[in-house]
Amino acid sequence: MKTFLKILLVVLAVIAAVKLLPVTLVLGCALGLVVALVAVVGLSLAAVILGVGLLLALVLSPIWLPIMALVGIVALFKKASAKPAVA
């Protein structure tokens, strides 16, 4: 009797799965579209942020390039005048 009940439950599960297949497909497609839309928006947003960052770096380059050069020169002289480490 147990085997009959197991087979009956499997048959009922298969029937329920077949009946719910269109709903599952629609939900799966909708979820796929939402994921694709979020990916497109995310990539577009990342491209905009990268573009704004590059534009800001380009606009501010007359300020930060000399400052970086000055910091580099100071670091070079500081390293050259540092005492050697004692081993």
Protein backbone atom coordinates (compact mmCIF):
# COMPACT_ATOMS: atom_id res chain seq x y z
CA MET A 1 0.00 0.00 0.00
CA LYS A 2 2.91 2.34 0.70
CA THR A 3 4.20 1.98 -2.85
CA PHE A 4 0.78 2.86 -4.27
CA LEU A 5 0.61 6.00 -2.14
CA LYS A 6 4.13 7.02 -3.21
CA ILE A 7 3.24 6.56 -6.88
CA LEU A 8 -0.02 8.46 -6.37
CA LEU A 9 1.84 11.35 -4.71
CA VAL A 10 4.40 11.45 -7.52
CA VAL A 11 1.62 11.47 -10.13
CA LEU A 12 -0.16 14.30 -8.28
CA ALA A 13 3.10 16.27 -8.04
CA VAL A 14 3.71 15.81 -11.78
CA ILE A 15 0.16 16.95 -12.59
CA ALA A 16 0.55 20.01 -10.35
CA ALA A 17 3.93 20.80 -11.96
CA VAL A 18 2.47 20.53 -15.47
CA LYS A 19 -0.52 22.71 -14.49
CA LEU A 20 1.78 25.37 -12.96
CA LEU A 21 4.32 25.29 -15.82
CA PRO A 22 2.91 28.34 -17.68
CA VAL A 23 2.89 30.41 -14.49
CA THR A 24 6.44 29.32 -13.73
CA LEU A 25 7.60 30.21 -17.24
CA VAL A 26 5.97 33.66 -17.07
CA LEU A 27 7.52 34.36 -13.67
CA GLY A 28 10.90 33.12 -14.87
CA CYS A 29 10.79 35.33 -17.96
CA ALA A 30 9.70 38.33 -15.90
CA LEU A 31 12.52 37.73 -13.43
CA GLY A 32 14.99 37.42 -16.32
CA LEU A 33 13.82 40.72 -17.79
CA VAL A 34 14.13 42.45 -14.43
CA VAL A 35 17.65 41.09 -13.95
CA ALA A 36 18.63 42.21 -17.47
CA LEU A 37 17.16 45.68 -16.87
CA VAL A 38 19.01 46.03 -13.57
CA ALA A 39 22.25 44.92 -15.27
CA VAL A 40 21.82 47.47 -18.08
CA VAL A 41 21.03 50.27 -15.64
CA GLY A 42 23.94 49.26 -13.41
CA LEU A 43 26.40 49.21 -16.32
CA SER A 44 25.11 52.54 -17.58
CA LEU A 45 25.45 54.03 -14.11
CA ALA A 46 28.99 52.66 -13.80
CA ALA A 47 29.89 54.17 -17.19
CA VAL A 48 28.46 57.55 -16.15
CA ILE A 49 30.37 57.52 -12.85
CA LEU A 50 33.60 56.57 -14.65
CA GLY A 51 33.04 59.32 -17.23
CA VAL A 52 32.39 61.94 -14.56
CA GLY A 53 35.49 60.83 -12.66
CA LEU A 54 37.65 61.06 -15.77
CA LEU A 55 36.19 64.46 -16.63
CA LEU A 56 36.87 65.68 -13.11
CA ALA A 57 40.45 64.40 -13.27
CA LEU A 58 40.90 66.11 -16.63
CA VAL A 59 39.49 69.42 -15.43
CA LEU A 60 41.52 69.38 -12.21
CA SER A 61 44.78 68.20 -13.82
CA PRO A 62 46.30 71.71 -13.88
CA ILE A 63 46.00 71.63 -10.09
CA TRP A 64 46.89 68.09 -9.10
CA LEU A 65 49.73 67.37 -11.55
CA PRO A 66 52.08 70.04 -10.11
CA ILE A 67 51.11 69.02 -6.58
CA MET A 68 51.91 65.36 -7.38
CA ALA A 69 55.25 66.42 -8.88
CA LEU A 70 56.06 68.46 -5.76
CA VAL A 71 55.15 65.58 -3.47
CA GLY A 72 57.32 63.25 -5.56
CA ILE A 73 60.30 65.60 -5.40
CA VAL A 74 59.92 65.99 -1.63
CA ALA A 75 59.71 62.21 -1.20
CA LEU A 76 62.79 61.75 -3.38
CA PHE A 77 64.86 64.21 -1.34
CA LYS A 78 63.53 62.80 1.91
CA LYS A 79 64.56 59.27 0.89
CA ALA A 80 67.97 60.44 -0.33
CA SER A 81 68.73 62.20 2.95
CA ALA A 82 67.44 59.41 5.19
CA LYS A 83 69.92 57.60 7.39
CA PRO A 84 70.69 54.05 6.31
CA ALA A 85 69.13 51.31 8.40
CA VAL A 86 71.39 49.56 10.86
CA ALA A 87 71.32 45.82 10.46
